[in-house]
Amino acid sequence: MVCATITTTSTFAANPDQGENLVKRWCAGCHLVAADQKGARADAPTFASIAARPDFDPAKLAFFLLDPHPKMPNMQLSRDEASDIAAYIATLK
């Protein structure tokens, strides 16, 4: 008898490296997304400040990104992309 084991490992985990690529393409026009970035809009929070919030939760942020508020462009992110972005922001704590 052959038994197969299915595990949910990093194959399905959010990818912060991919998230970093996405934020540099989609978010850097308004938000300060990395320490080496030179500028951002004054009314957009930095990603480090988002990560430092006491109520920061990557899952809630990913859900928010799927239906952003009116000031944000409609990026139409996939669930994986939103999770990757949230995972990247979590690395900035």
Protein backbone atom coordinates (compact mmCIF):
# COMPACT_ATOMS: atom_id res chain seq x y z
CA MET A 1 0.00 0.00 0.00
CA VAL A 2 1.38 3.40 -0.98
CA CYS A 3 0.43 6.42 1.09
CA ALA A 4 0.74 9.93 -0.20
CA THR A 5 0.99 12.85 2.14
CA ILE A 6 -0.25 16.22 1.10
CA THR A 7 1.26 19.09 2.98
CA THR A 8 0.61 22.77 2.82
CA THR A 9 4.08 24.19 2.92
CA SER A 10 5.66 27.25 1.46
CA THR A 11 4.26 26.31 -1.95
CA PHE A 12 1.06 28.07 -0.93
CA ALA A 13 2.61 30.67 1.36
CA ALA A 14 2.72 34.33 0.50
CA ASN A 15 5.94 35.46 -1.16
CA PRO A 16 7.35 38.72 0.27
CA ASP A 17 9.95 38.93 -2.52
CA GLN A 18 7.21 38.89 -5.13
CA GLY A 19 5.33 41.40 -2.97
CA GLU A 20 8.33 43.73 -3.04
CA ASN A 21 8.37 43.58 -6.85
CA LEU A 22 4.65 44.35 -6.95
CA VAL A 23 4.82 47.33 -4.57
CA LYS A 24 7.70 48.86 -6.50
CA ARG A 25 5.56 48.66 -9.64
CA TRP A 26 2.10 49.52 -8.24
CA CYS A 27 2.55 51.44 -4.99
CA ALA A 28 5.79 53.43 -5.10
CA GLY A 29 4.16 56.30 -6.97
CA CYS A 30 2.28 57.27 -3.81
CA HIS A 31 3.69 55.29 -0.86
CA LEU A 32 7.21 55.06 0.50
CA VAL A 33 7.64 51.31 0.04
CA ALA A 34 11.36 50.82 0.71
CA ALA A 35 14.12 52.53 2.66
CA ASP A 36 16.06 53.38 -0.50
CA GLN A 37 13.12 55.19 -2.11
CA LYS A 38 13.55 58.94 -2.54
CA GLY A 39 9.99 60.27 -2.31
CA ALA A 40 6.29 59.61 -1.95
CA ARG A 41 3.04 61.54 -1.53
CA ALA A 42 2.71 63.23 1.82
CA ASP A 43 -0.85 61.96 2.36
CA ALA A 44 -0.01 58.29 1.73
CA PRO A 45 1.33 56.32 4.73
CA THR A 46 4.72 54.68 4.43
CA PHE A 47 4.67 50.91 4.34
CA ALA A 48 6.93 50.80 7.41
CA SER A 49 4.37 52.85 9.34
CA ILE A 50 1.61 50.49 8.22
CA ALA A 51 3.64 47.48 9.42
CA ALA A 52 4.32 49.20 12.76
CA ARG A 53 0.65 49.72 13.61
CA PRO A 54 -0.36 47.73 16.69
CA ASP A 55 -3.37 46.30 14.85
CA PHE A 56 -1.39 45.30 11.73
CA ASP A 57 -2.57 41.96 10.38
CA PRO A 58 -1.29 40.71 7.01
CA ALA A 59 -4.51 38.79 6.32
CA LYS A 60 -6.68 41.87 6.92
CA LEU A 61 -4.39 44.00 4.77
CA ALA A 62 -4.52 41.47 1.92
CA PHE A 63 -8.33 41.50 2.11
CA PHE A 64 -8.33 45.34 2.09
CA LEU A 65 -6.12 45.37 -1.02
CA LEU A 66 -8.67 43.30 -2.94
CA ASP A 67 -11.16 46.18 -2.61
CA PRO A 68 -9.09 49.33 -1.99
CA HIS A 69 -10.50 52.65 -0.79
CA PRO A 70 -11.36 55.41 -3.29
CA LYS A 71 -7.99 57.18 -3.12
CA MET A 72 -6.22 54.06 -4.34
CA PRO A 73 -6.25 53.01 -7.99
CA ASN A 74 -8.18 49.89 -8.90
CA MET A 75 -5.23 47.55 -9.36
CA GLN A 76 -7.38 44.41 -9.59
CA LEU A 77 -4.89 42.31 -7.68
CA SER A 78 -5.26 38.56 -7.42
CA ARG A 79 -5.55 37.04 -3.96
CA ASP A 80 -1.98 35.76 -4.25
CA GLU A 81 -0.69 39.20 -5.23
CA ALA A 82 -2.51 40.88 -2.33
CA SER A 83 -1.10 38.27 0.06
CA ASP A 84 2.40 38.76 -1.35
CA ILE A 85 2.16 42.54 -0.84
CA ALA A 86 0.92 42.07 2.73
CA ALA A 87 3.76 39.61 3.39
CA TYR A 88 6.29 42.15 2.12
CA ILE A 89 4.86 44.90 4.32
CA ALA A 90 5.05 42.51 7.30
CA THR A 91 8.82 42.26 6.75
CA LEU A 92 9.12 46.00 7.43
CA LYS A 93 8.19 45.71 11.13
